[in-house]
N, C-alpha and C. Protein backbone atom coordinates (compact mmCIF):
# COMPACT_ATOMS: atom_id res chain seq x y z
N MET A 1 118.17 -179.31 27.24
CA MET A 1 116.89 -179.56 26.43
C MET A 1 115.87 -178.24 26.87
N MET A 2 115.34 -177.77 25.82
CA MET A 2 114.61 -176.50 26.14
C MET A 2 113.41 -176.67 27.11
N LEU A 3 112.86 -177.95 27.00
CA LEU A 3 111.61 -178.04 27.80
C LEU A 3 111.98 -177.81 29.36
N PHE A 4 112.95 -178.28 29.75
CA PHE A 4 113.54 -178.07 31.20
C PHE A 4 113.72 -176.59 31.31
N ARG A 5 114.20 -175.93 30.48
CA ARG A 5 114.42 -174.55 30.67
C ARG A 5 112.98 -173.70 30.97
N VAL A 6 112.03 -174.32 30.23
CA VAL A 6 110.49 -173.61 30.17
C VAL A 6 110.02 -173.97 31.51
N LEU A 7 110.26 -175.30 31.92
CA LEU A 7 109.51 -175.68 33.16
C LEU A 7 110.29 -174.98 34.33
N ALA A 8 111.64 -174.95 34.41
CA ALA A 8 112.14 -174.10 35.43
C ALA A 8 111.74 -172.64 35.52
N LEU A 9 111.69 -172.05 34.45
CA LEU A 9 111.28 -170.68 34.35
C LEU A 9 109.86 -170.56 34.86
N ALA A 10 109.14 -171.62 34.54
CA ALA A 10 107.57 -171.39 35.02
C ALA A 10 107.57 -171.52 36.46
N ILE A 11 108.36 -172.58 36.98
CA ILE A 11 108.58 -172.68 38.55
C ILE A 11 108.72 -171.29 39.15
N LEU A 12 109.67 -170.78 38.76
CA LEU A 12 110.27 -169.25 39.18
C LEU A 12 109.35 -168.23 39.00
N LEU A 13 108.68 -168.16 37.87
CA LEU A 13 107.84 -167.08 37.58
C LEU A 13 106.48 -167.18 38.44
N VAL A 14 106.03 -168.43 38.66
CA VAL A 14 104.82 -168.80 39.59
C VAL A 14 105.19 -168.29 40.94
N PHE A 15 106.42 -168.84 41.48
CA PHE A 15 106.75 -168.55 42.89
C PHE A 15 106.98 -167.04 43.08
N TYR A 16 107.70 -166.40 42.48
CA TYR A 16 108.03 -164.99 42.56
C TYR A 16 106.82 -164.15 42.23
N GLY A 17 106.02 -164.61 41.31
CA GLY A 17 104.64 -163.86 40.98
C GLY A 17 103.84 -163.77 42.32
N ILE A 18 103.77 -164.88 42.90
CA ILE A 18 102.80 -165.00 44.22
C ILE A 18 103.42 -164.14 45.24
N TYR A 19 104.79 -164.26 45.34
CA TYR A 19 105.38 -163.23 46.45
C TYR A 19 105.13 -161.83 46.19
N PHE A 20 105.42 -161.31 44.92
CA PHE A 20 105.28 -159.98 44.50
C PHE A 20 103.89 -159.47 44.45
N ILE A 21 102.94 -160.22 43.92
CA ILE A 21 101.52 -160.01 44.15
C ILE A 21 100.97 -159.86 45.32
N LYS A 22 101.28 -160.77 46.24
CA LYS A 22 100.90 -160.73 47.72
C LYS A 22 101.50 -159.31 48.07
N MET A 23 102.69 -158.94 47.91
CA MET A 23 103.32 -157.66 48.41
C MET A 23 102.48 -156.40 47.94
N LEU A 24 102.14 -156.40 46.61
CA LEU A 24 101.35 -155.25 46.07
C LEU A 24 100.06 -155.18 46.63
N VAL A 25 99.23 -156.37 46.62
CA VAL A 25 98.04 -156.24 47.42
C VAL A 25 98.17 -155.70 48.86
N GLN A 26 99.07 -156.28 49.64
CA GLN A 26 99.26 -155.68 51.04
C GLN A 26 99.60 -154.30 50.90
N LYS A 27 100.54 -153.72 50.05
CA LYS A 27 100.76 -152.48 49.80
C LYS A 27 99.68 -151.49 49.81
N ARG A 28 98.63 -152.01 48.87
CA ARG A 28 97.52 -151.10 48.66
C ARG A 28 96.54 -151.06 49.84
N GLN A 29 96.77 -151.92 50.74
CA GLN A 29 95.99 -151.99 52.11
C GLN A 29 96.98 -151.24 53.17
N GLY A 30 98.02 -150.70 52.77
CA GLY A 30 98.77 -149.98 53.81
C GLY A 30 99.67 -151.06 54.70
N ILE A 31 99.90 -152.10 54.02
CA ILE A 31 100.73 -153.20 54.81
C ILE A 31 102.01 -153.22 54.35
N ARG A 32 102.86 -153.01 55.17
CA ARG A 32 104.62 -153.32 54.61
C ARG A 32 104.91 -154.81 54.70
N THR A 33 104.70 -155.41 53.71
CA THR A 33 105.13 -156.82 53.82
C THR A 33 106.58 -157.28 54.12
N ARG A 34 107.31 -156.50 53.31
CA ARG A 34 108.63 -156.92 53.41
C ARG A 34 109.35 -156.12 54.59
N GLN A 35 109.69 -156.87 55.64
CA GLN A 35 110.34 -156.33 56.92
C GLN A 35 111.63 -157.03 57.20
N ILE A 36 112.06 -157.45 56.38
CA ILE A 36 113.50 -158.19 56.60
C ILE A 36 114.59 -157.07 56.85
N GLY A 37 115.16 -157.36 58.05
CA GLY A 37 116.40 -156.57 58.32
C GLY A 37 115.96 -155.35 59.11
N LYS A 38 114.68 -155.07 59.50
CA LYS A 38 114.05 -153.81 59.86
C LYS A 38 114.25 -153.87 61.61
N ARG A 39 114.55 -154.92 62.16
CA ARG A 39 114.47 -155.00 63.46
C ARG A 39 116.02 -154.66 64.07
N LYS A 40 116.15 -154.17 65.31
CA LYS A 40 117.24 -153.56 65.50
C LYS A 40 118.33 -154.47 66.37
N GLU A 41 117.69 -155.72 66.72
CA GLU A 41 118.51 -156.63 67.57
C GLU A 41 119.69 -157.08 66.62
N LYS A 42 120.85 -157.19 67.16
CA LYS A 42 121.98 -157.42 66.12
C LYS A 42 122.00 -158.86 65.58
N SER A 43 121.58 -159.87 66.37
CA SER A 43 121.65 -161.20 65.70
C SER A 43 120.62 -161.29 64.75
N LEU A 44 119.31 -160.81 65.12
CA LEU A 44 118.46 -161.00 64.21
C LEU A 44 118.50 -160.20 62.81
N HIS A 45 119.03 -159.00 63.13
CA HIS A 45 119.37 -158.12 61.84
C HIS A 45 120.33 -158.80 60.91
N ARG A 46 121.42 -159.54 61.44
CA ARG A 46 122.25 -160.19 60.71
C ARG A 46 121.81 -161.42 59.99
N VAL A 47 120.94 -162.23 60.75
CA VAL A 47 120.30 -163.31 60.18
C VAL A 47 119.41 -163.07 58.94
N GLU A 48 118.61 -161.86 59.24
CA GLU A 48 117.88 -161.42 58.04
C GLU A 48 118.51 -160.90 56.94
N THR A 49 119.66 -160.16 57.21
CA THR A 49 120.49 -159.67 56.03
C THR A 49 121.07 -160.78 55.17
N TRP A 50 121.50 -161.78 55.98
CA TRP A 50 122.24 -163.14 55.19
C TRP A 50 121.10 -163.72 54.43
N MET A 51 119.83 -163.88 55.11
CA MET A 51 118.72 -164.46 54.44
C MET A 51 118.44 -163.74 53.08
N SER A 52 118.25 -162.62 53.40
CA SER A 52 117.74 -161.53 52.13
C SER A 52 118.90 -162.02 51.09
N ALA A 53 120.11 -161.82 51.38
CA ALA A 53 121.11 -162.01 50.42
C ALA A 53 120.96 -163.39 49.72
N ALA A 54 120.88 -164.47 50.48
CA ALA A 54 120.68 -165.68 50.05
C ALA A 54 119.44 -166.06 49.11
N THR A 55 118.43 -165.11 49.47
CA THR A 55 117.19 -165.35 48.69
C THR A 55 117.37 -164.47 47.37
N LEU A 56 118.18 -163.55 47.16
CA LEU A 56 118.48 -162.90 46.05
C LEU A 56 119.53 -163.51 45.18
N LEU A 57 120.43 -164.15 45.92
CA LEU A 57 121.69 -164.84 45.03
C LEU A 57 120.98 -166.07 44.44
N ALA A 58 120.13 -166.86 45.15
CA ALA A 58 119.61 -168.13 44.66
C ALA A 58 118.86 -168.00 43.29
N PRO A 59 118.05 -167.10 43.08
CA PRO A 59 117.37 -166.96 41.77
C PRO A 59 118.24 -166.47 40.81
N ALA A 60 119.31 -165.49 41.13
CA ALA A 60 120.32 -165.21 40.15
C ALA A 60 121.02 -166.25 39.57
N VAL A 61 121.48 -167.35 40.36
CA VAL A 61 122.22 -168.33 40.00
C VAL A 61 121.52 -169.54 39.29
N GLN A 62 120.13 -169.50 39.86
CA GLN A 62 119.06 -170.39 39.12
C GLN A 62 119.03 -169.92 37.60
N LEU A 63 118.71 -168.57 37.46
CA LEU A 63 118.50 -167.94 36.14
C LEU A 63 119.61 -168.29 35.11
N LEU A 64 120.96 -167.95 35.74
CA LEU A 64 122.13 -168.09 35.21
C LEU A 64 122.33 -169.56 34.64
N SER A 65 121.87 -170.43 35.43
CA SER A 65 122.04 -172.01 35.19
C SER A 65 121.07 -172.34 33.99
N ILE A 66 119.83 -171.65 34.02
CA ILE A 66 118.74 -171.96 33.06
C ILE A 66 119.23 -171.44 31.63
N VAL A 67 119.77 -170.14 31.74
CA VAL A 67 120.32 -169.76 30.49
C VAL A 67 121.46 -170.40 29.98
N LEU A 68 122.42 -170.89 30.71
CA LEU A 68 123.51 -171.74 30.17
C LEU A 68 123.11 -173.31 30.02
N ASP A 69 121.83 -173.42 30.41
CA ASP A 69 121.57 -174.90 30.29
C ASP A 69 122.55 -175.94 30.91
N TRP A 70 123.06 -175.48 32.17
CA TRP A 70 124.07 -176.24 33.03
C TRP A 70 123.38 -177.19 33.95
N SER A 71 123.28 -178.47 33.49
CA SER A 71 122.89 -179.38 34.50
C SER A 71 123.60 -180.75 34.29
N TRP A 72 123.94 -181.33 35.30
CA TRP A 72 124.60 -182.64 35.44
C TRP A 72 123.70 -183.84 35.24
N LEU A 73 122.47 -183.57 35.56
CA LEU A 73 121.39 -184.71 35.83
C LEU A 73 120.88 -185.34 34.58
N PRO A 74 120.52 -186.58 34.67
CA PRO A 74 119.75 -186.92 33.37
C PRO A 74 118.36 -186.62 33.53
N GLU A 75 117.51 -186.93 32.65
CA GLU A 75 116.11 -186.54 32.59
C GLU A 75 115.37 -186.79 33.92
N GLY A 76 115.33 -188.18 34.17
CA GLY A 76 114.58 -188.67 35.49
C GLY A 76 114.65 -187.66 36.82
N PRO A 77 115.75 -187.48 37.29
CA PRO A 77 115.80 -186.54 38.41
C PRO A 77 115.25 -185.12 38.10
N ARG A 78 115.62 -184.71 36.82
CA ARG A 78 115.06 -183.42 36.42
C ARG A 78 113.55 -183.20 36.52
N TRP A 79 112.68 -184.50 36.02
CA TRP A 79 111.36 -184.37 36.06
C TRP A 79 110.85 -184.42 37.58
N ALA A 80 111.65 -185.10 38.42
CA ALA A 80 111.34 -185.10 39.86
C ALA A 80 111.70 -183.63 40.43
N GLY A 81 112.67 -183.03 39.89
CA GLY A 81 112.75 -181.58 40.14
C GLY A 81 111.64 -180.69 39.89
N PHE A 82 111.08 -180.91 38.65
CA PHE A 82 110.00 -180.11 38.35
C PHE A 82 108.71 -180.46 39.27
N ALA A 83 108.62 -181.75 39.47
CA ALA A 83 107.32 -182.09 40.52
C ALA A 83 107.55 -181.35 41.85
N LEU A 84 108.75 -181.51 42.36
CA LEU A 84 109.06 -180.66 43.65
C LEU A 84 109.02 -179.21 43.83
N GLY A 85 109.42 -178.55 42.55
CA GLY A 85 109.37 -177.20 42.22
C GLY A 85 107.83 -176.70 42.26
N LEU A 86 106.94 -177.62 41.51
CA LEU A 86 105.50 -177.23 41.56
C LEU A 86 104.84 -177.38 42.87
N LEU A 87 105.25 -178.48 43.59
CA LEU A 87 104.80 -178.69 45.07
C LEU A 87 105.16 -177.37 45.75
N GLY A 88 106.50 -176.96 45.66
CA GLY A 88 106.87 -175.72 46.45
C GLY A 88 105.99 -174.54 46.25
N ASP A 89 105.85 -174.37 44.83
CA ASP A 89 105.06 -173.33 44.57
C ASP A 89 103.54 -173.34 45.21
N LEU A 90 102.87 -174.63 45.18
CA LEU A 90 101.61 -174.83 45.66
C LEU A 90 101.53 -174.65 47.13
N ILE A 91 102.61 -175.18 47.81
CA ILE A 91 102.56 -175.01 49.26
C ILE A 91 102.85 -173.47 49.68
N PHE A 92 103.69 -172.86 48.94
CA PHE A 92 103.81 -171.54 49.19
C PHE A 92 102.60 -170.62 48.96
N LEU A 93 101.86 -170.82 47.74
CA LEU A 93 100.54 -170.13 47.53
C LEU A 93 99.64 -170.46 48.58
N THR A 94 99.53 -171.60 49.05
CA THR A 94 98.58 -171.95 50.02
C THR A 94 98.89 -171.28 51.40
N ALA A 95 100.09 -171.23 51.74
CA ALA A 95 100.67 -170.57 52.98
C ALA A 95 100.18 -169.10 52.81
N VAL A 96 100.55 -168.45 51.86
CA VAL A 96 100.28 -167.02 51.73
C VAL A 96 98.80 -166.63 51.66
N VAL A 97 98.07 -167.49 50.98
CA VAL A 97 96.66 -167.10 50.95
C VAL A 97 95.85 -167.50 52.25
N THR A 98 96.47 -168.60 53.07
CA THR A 98 95.88 -168.84 54.41
C THR A 98 96.24 -167.67 55.49
N MET A 99 97.40 -167.18 55.27
CA MET A 99 97.83 -166.10 56.20
C MET A 99 97.07 -164.85 56.26
N LYS A 100 96.53 -164.83 54.94
CA LYS A 100 95.79 -163.65 54.65
C LYS A 100 96.57 -162.26 54.98
N ASN A 101 96.22 -161.44 55.64
CA ASN A 101 97.01 -160.02 55.88
C ASN A 101 98.02 -160.15 57.10
N SER A 102 98.21 -161.41 57.71
CA SER A 102 99.29 -161.57 58.65
C SER A 102 100.60 -162.08 58.17
N TRP A 103 100.52 -162.27 56.84
CA TRP A 103 101.88 -162.58 56.25
C TRP A 103 102.72 -161.59 56.28
N ARG A 104 104.06 -161.90 56.59
CA ARG A 104 105.27 -160.94 56.52
C ARG A 104 106.38 -161.56 56.04
N ALA A 105 107.30 -160.82 55.32
CA ALA A 105 108.68 -161.35 55.09
C ALA A 105 109.71 -160.69 56.08
N GLY A 106 110.02 -161.34 57.19
CA GLY A 106 110.76 -160.72 58.16
C GLY A 106 109.82 -160.79 59.55
N ILE A 107 110.53 -160.48 60.46
CA ILE A 107 109.71 -160.25 61.83
C ILE A 107 109.26 -158.85 62.03
N PRO A 108 108.08 -158.61 61.98
CA PRO A 108 107.44 -157.26 62.27
C PRO A 108 107.66 -156.59 63.62
N GLU A 109 108.31 -155.38 63.56
CA GLU A 109 108.48 -154.79 64.88
C GLU A 109 107.32 -154.20 65.46
N GLU A 110 106.54 -153.66 64.58
CA GLU A 110 105.35 -152.99 65.25
C GLU A 110 103.92 -153.50 64.71
N ASP A 111 103.80 -154.16 63.65
CA ASP A 111 102.67 -154.36 63.09
C ASP A 111 102.00 -155.66 64.06
N LYS A 112 100.65 -155.61 64.32
CA LYS A 112 100.19 -156.72 65.03
C LYS A 112 99.54 -157.54 64.07
N THR A 113 99.96 -158.88 64.13
CA THR A 113 99.53 -159.98 63.23
C THR A 113 98.64 -161.00 64.02
N GLU A 114 98.05 -161.90 63.34
CA GLU A 114 97.11 -162.83 63.88
C GLU A 114 98.05 -164.36 63.93
N LEU A 115 97.86 -165.15 64.86
CA LEU A 115 98.45 -166.39 64.80
C LEU A 115 97.55 -167.42 64.03
N ILE A 116 98.08 -167.62 62.93
CA ILE A 116 97.05 -168.58 62.03
C ILE A 116 97.51 -170.01 62.33
N GLN A 117 96.33 -170.77 62.59
CA GLN A 117 96.51 -172.15 62.94
C GLN A 117 95.69 -173.05 62.09
N GLU A 118 95.04 -172.55 61.13
CA GLU A 118 94.10 -173.32 60.33
C GLU A 118 94.72 -173.56 59.07
N GLY A 119 94.01 -174.43 58.17
CA GLY A 119 94.43 -174.62 56.82
C GLY A 119 95.70 -175.42 56.83
N ILE A 120 96.52 -175.00 55.94
CA ILE A 120 97.90 -175.71 56.06
C ILE A 120 98.75 -175.57 57.13
N TYR A 121 98.52 -174.51 57.91
CA TYR A 121 99.13 -174.24 59.11
C TYR A 121 98.77 -175.36 60.35
N ARG A 122 97.86 -176.18 60.08
CA ARG A 122 97.47 -177.21 60.90
C ARG A 122 98.41 -178.25 60.71
N TRP A 123 99.11 -178.29 59.67
CA TRP A 123 100.23 -179.35 59.40
C TRP A 123 101.63 -178.99 59.37
N SER A 124 101.85 -177.44 59.28
CA SER A 124 103.25 -176.98 59.17
C SER A 124 103.17 -175.74 59.90
N ARG A 125 104.24 -175.33 60.74
CA ARG A 125 104.26 -174.13 61.33
C ARG A 125 104.86 -173.08 60.44
N ASN A 126 105.55 -173.74 59.43
CA ASN A 126 106.32 -172.81 58.40
C ASN A 126 106.18 -173.18 57.02
N PRO A 127 104.85 -173.09 56.48
CA PRO A 127 104.78 -173.84 55.14
C PRO A 127 105.31 -172.94 54.00
N ALA A 128 105.27 -171.45 54.16
CA ALA A 128 106.02 -170.76 53.36
C ALA A 128 107.47 -171.04 53.04
N PHE A 129 108.12 -171.24 54.21
CA PHE A 129 109.59 -171.57 54.23
C PHE A 129 109.84 -172.90 53.53
N LEU A 130 108.81 -173.85 53.75
CA LEU A 130 108.82 -175.12 53.22
C LEU A 130 108.65 -175.00 51.70
N GLY A 131 107.80 -174.29 51.29
CA GLY A 131 107.53 -173.92 49.91
C GLY A 131 108.87 -173.42 49.15
N PHE A 132 109.57 -172.36 49.89
CA PHE A 132 110.93 -171.97 49.39
C PHE A 132 111.78 -173.07 49.22
N ASP A 133 112.07 -173.71 50.24
CA ASP A 133 112.93 -174.97 50.25
C ASP A 133 112.62 -176.05 49.16
N LEU A 134 111.27 -176.42 48.83
CA LEU A 134 111.05 -177.39 47.87
C LEU A 134 111.30 -176.60 46.42
N MET A 135 110.99 -175.40 46.39
CA MET A 135 111.08 -174.66 45.20
C MET A 135 112.67 -174.60 44.76
N TYR A 136 113.56 -174.35 45.76
CA TYR A 136 114.84 -174.42 45.72
C TYR A 136 115.43 -175.83 45.34
N LEU A 137 114.93 -176.75 45.91
CA LEU A 137 115.48 -178.12 45.64
C LEU A 137 114.94 -178.70 44.24
N GLY A 138 113.80 -178.24 43.86
CA GLY A 138 113.20 -178.64 42.51
C GLY A 138 114.04 -177.83 41.47
N VAL A 139 114.38 -176.59 41.57
CA VAL A 139 115.15 -176.13 40.61
C VAL A 139 116.57 -176.42 40.64
N CYS A 140 117.01 -176.92 41.70
CA CYS A 140 118.27 -177.50 41.86
C CYS A 140 118.47 -178.88 41.14
N LEU A 141 117.43 -179.53 41.21
CA LEU A 141 117.46 -180.86 40.33
C LEU A 141 117.15 -180.63 38.99
N LEU A 142 116.49 -179.69 38.58
CA LEU A 142 116.29 -179.29 37.12
C LEU A 142 117.47 -179.02 36.51
N PHE A 143 118.39 -177.97 37.20
CA PHE A 143 119.57 -177.62 36.78
C PHE A 143 120.79 -177.77 37.91
N CYS A 144 120.92 -178.90 38.06
CA CYS A 144 121.98 -179.35 39.12
C CYS A 144 123.43 -179.04 38.59
N ASN A 145 124.13 -178.18 39.18
CA ASN A 145 125.44 -177.91 39.19
C ASN A 145 126.07 -177.44 40.60
N PRO A 146 127.41 -177.15 40.39
CA PRO A 146 127.92 -176.91 41.84
C PRO A 146 127.29 -175.46 42.40
N ALA A 147 126.93 -174.59 41.38
CA ALA A 147 126.46 -173.08 41.92
C ALA A 147 125.11 -173.33 42.38
N THR A 148 124.28 -174.06 41.76
CA THR A 148 122.95 -174.16 42.32
C THR A 148 122.85 -175.01 43.56
N ILE A 149 123.68 -175.99 43.68
CA ILE A 149 123.77 -176.74 45.04
C ILE A 149 124.22 -175.93 46.09
N VAL A 150 125.31 -175.24 45.98
CA VAL A 150 125.69 -174.11 47.06
C VAL A 150 124.73 -173.27 47.43
N CYS A 151 124.09 -172.64 46.42
CA CYS A 151 123.19 -171.41 46.61
C CYS A 151 121.77 -172.06 47.30
N SER A 152 121.49 -173.13 46.68
CA SER A 152 120.32 -173.70 47.36
C SER A 152 120.53 -174.14 48.99
N LEU A 153 121.55 -174.73 49.04
CA LEU A 153 121.90 -175.11 50.57
C LEU A 153 122.21 -173.92 51.36
N PHE A 154 122.73 -172.84 50.86
CA PHE A 154 122.89 -171.67 51.59
C PHE A 154 121.49 -171.02 51.91
N ALA A 155 120.79 -170.94 50.86
CA ALA A 155 119.39 -170.29 51.21
C ALA A 155 118.55 -170.98 52.09
N ALA A 156 118.47 -172.50 51.96
CA ALA A 156 117.86 -173.21 52.86
C ALA A 156 118.32 -173.16 54.30
N LEU A 157 119.78 -173.12 54.54
CA LEU A 157 120.17 -172.68 55.86
C LEU A 157 119.71 -171.36 56.49
N MET A 158 119.75 -170.47 55.66
CA MET A 158 119.45 -169.03 55.98
C MET A 158 118.04 -169.04 56.39
N LEU A 159 117.05 -169.58 55.50
CA LEU A 159 115.74 -169.72 55.86
C LEU A 159 115.44 -170.48 57.25
N HIS A 160 116.27 -171.55 57.56
CA HIS A 160 115.94 -172.17 58.67
C HIS A 160 116.47 -171.33 59.86
N LEU A 161 117.58 -170.70 59.70
CA LEU A 161 118.15 -169.75 60.84
C LEU A 161 116.95 -168.55 61.04
N GLN A 162 116.43 -168.21 60.01
CA GLN A 162 115.39 -167.18 60.13
C GLN A 162 114.15 -167.85 60.99
N ILE A 163 113.65 -169.21 60.64
CA ILE A 163 112.63 -169.69 61.49
C ILE A 163 113.19 -169.85 62.88
N LEU A 164 114.20 -170.00 63.24
CA LEU A 164 114.85 -170.17 64.61
C LEU A 164 114.59 -168.66 65.29
N GLN A 165 115.01 -167.71 64.50
CA GLN A 165 114.79 -166.34 65.14
C GLN A 165 113.29 -166.05 65.20
N GLU A 166 112.33 -166.38 64.52
CA GLU A 166 110.97 -166.28 64.61
C GLU A 166 110.43 -167.02 65.81
N GLU A 167 110.98 -168.18 66.01
CA GLU A 167 110.54 -169.08 67.19
C GLU A 167 110.69 -168.36 68.57
N LYS A 168 111.96 -167.45 68.54
CA LYS A 168 112.12 -166.67 69.65
C LYS A 168 111.02 -165.52 69.87
N PHE A 169 110.75 -164.93 68.80
CA PHE A 169 109.74 -163.83 68.80
C PHE A 169 108.26 -164.28 69.07
N LEU A 170 107.96 -165.34 68.35
CA LEU A 170 106.52 -165.72 68.48
C LEU A 170 105.94 -165.95 69.88
N PRO A 171 106.63 -166.66 70.74
CA PRO A 171 106.01 -166.77 72.35
C PRO A 171 105.79 -165.38 72.83
N VAL A 172 106.79 -164.46 72.40
CA VAL A 172 106.55 -163.11 73.20
C VAL A 172 105.13 -162.41 72.43
N ALA A 173 105.05 -162.42 71.29
CA ALA A 173 103.92 -162.07 70.65
C ALA A 173 102.68 -162.74 70.78
N PHE A 174 102.61 -164.02 71.00
CA PHE A 174 101.38 -164.63 71.02
C PHE A 174 101.14 -165.55 72.34
N GLY A 175 102.32 -165.58 73.22
CA GLY A 175 102.01 -166.26 74.30
C GLY A 175 101.76 -167.68 74.30
N ALA A 176 100.93 -168.26 75.40
CA ALA A 176 100.41 -169.61 75.37
C ALA A 176 99.68 -170.11 74.38
N PRO A 177 98.87 -169.47 73.52
CA PRO A 177 98.52 -169.96 72.22
C PRO A 177 99.41 -170.46 71.28
N TYR A 178 100.49 -169.73 71.30
CA TYR A 178 101.67 -170.22 70.30
C TYR A 178 102.26 -171.38 70.88
N LEU A 179 102.69 -171.34 72.13
CA LEU A 179 103.29 -172.53 72.67
C LEU A 179 102.63 -173.75 72.61
N ALA A 180 101.16 -173.74 72.81
CA ALA A 180 100.29 -174.68 72.67
C ALA A 180 100.42 -175.45 71.14
N TYR A 181 100.31 -174.23 70.15
CA TYR A 181 100.24 -174.75 68.75
C TYR A 181 101.79 -175.42 68.42
N LYS A 182 102.78 -174.76 69.01
CA LYS A 182 104.09 -175.32 68.71
C LYS A 182 104.37 -176.64 69.16
N GLY A 183 103.65 -177.16 70.32
CA GLY A 183 103.47 -178.33 70.86
C GLY A 183 102.77 -179.47 69.97
N ARG A 184 101.94 -178.85 69.19
CA ARG A 184 100.95 -179.74 68.39
C ARG A 184 101.58 -179.99 66.94
N VAL A 185 102.06 -178.95 66.31
CA VAL A 185 102.53 -179.01 65.01
C VAL A 185 104.05 -178.67 64.78
N LEU A 186 104.66 -179.64 63.93
CA LEU A 186 106.06 -179.63 63.71
C LEU A 186 106.34 -178.41 62.96
N ARG A 187 107.71 -178.03 63.01
CA ARG A 187 108.22 -176.80 62.42
C ARG A 187 108.11 -176.97 60.85
N TYR A 188 108.34 -177.98 60.15
CA TYR A 188 108.22 -178.07 58.76
C TYR A 188 106.96 -178.99 58.18
N PHE A 189 106.77 -180.19 58.72
CA PHE A 189 105.58 -180.71 58.39
C PHE A 189 105.28 -181.84 59.29
N GLY A 190 104.18 -181.89 59.71
CA GLY A 190 103.64 -183.08 60.59
C GLY A 190 103.07 -182.56 61.97
N ARG A 191 102.28 -183.46 62.56
CA ARG A 191 101.68 -183.13 63.82
C ARG A 191 102.30 -184.07 64.87
N ARG A 192 102.37 -183.63 66.06
CA ARG A 192 102.82 -184.50 67.03
C ARG A 192 101.55 -185.45 67.66
N ARG A 193 101.98 -186.41 68.04
CA ARG A 193 100.92 -187.36 68.38
C ARG A 193 100.42 -186.98 69.75
N ARG A 194 99.24 -187.17 70.14
CA ARG A 194 98.66 -186.72 71.49
C ARG A 194 99.09 -187.99 72.60
N GLN A 195 99.28 -187.34 73.64
CA GLN A 195 99.86 -188.41 74.58
C GLN A 195 98.61 -188.89 75.62
């Protein structure tokens, strides 16, 4: 169905448009946004390299599935996929805007950034990653086939491993304020109850 192709392409265009526009805006300000794989620590470099590969492979497979109109699902779940993809775009946009110039792709080695705790970050420590995951899930439901399932799961796993790496870096960079924040706000979405 042509409509699902258009909807999936719109989700991808909005998502990657946000990503690349933010990179261009920061580049004009002298900020290097993409820092994936720049750190020298072997385990971190490996995770970031695999994450980078996964986030390049996923859209390629998504686009191929759209072009081939390769989907196993009926209309109902595909509409749910569109809604999830749109939600992912919205969460990603909100995260990137809220982070202002502290947003980076990868763990910065030298850049000093701020610990952002307001806006959507009051409810998620990793809303940009949550946006990625929802967008992958949404497009996967729109064009569900073995290739999109595998690539979406692989990308989500690599993003999760990147989060775990960042969680090792952030206490060093921000100390007690980050640990207090981590104690209040869940990794993906939600807040801890006060005791």
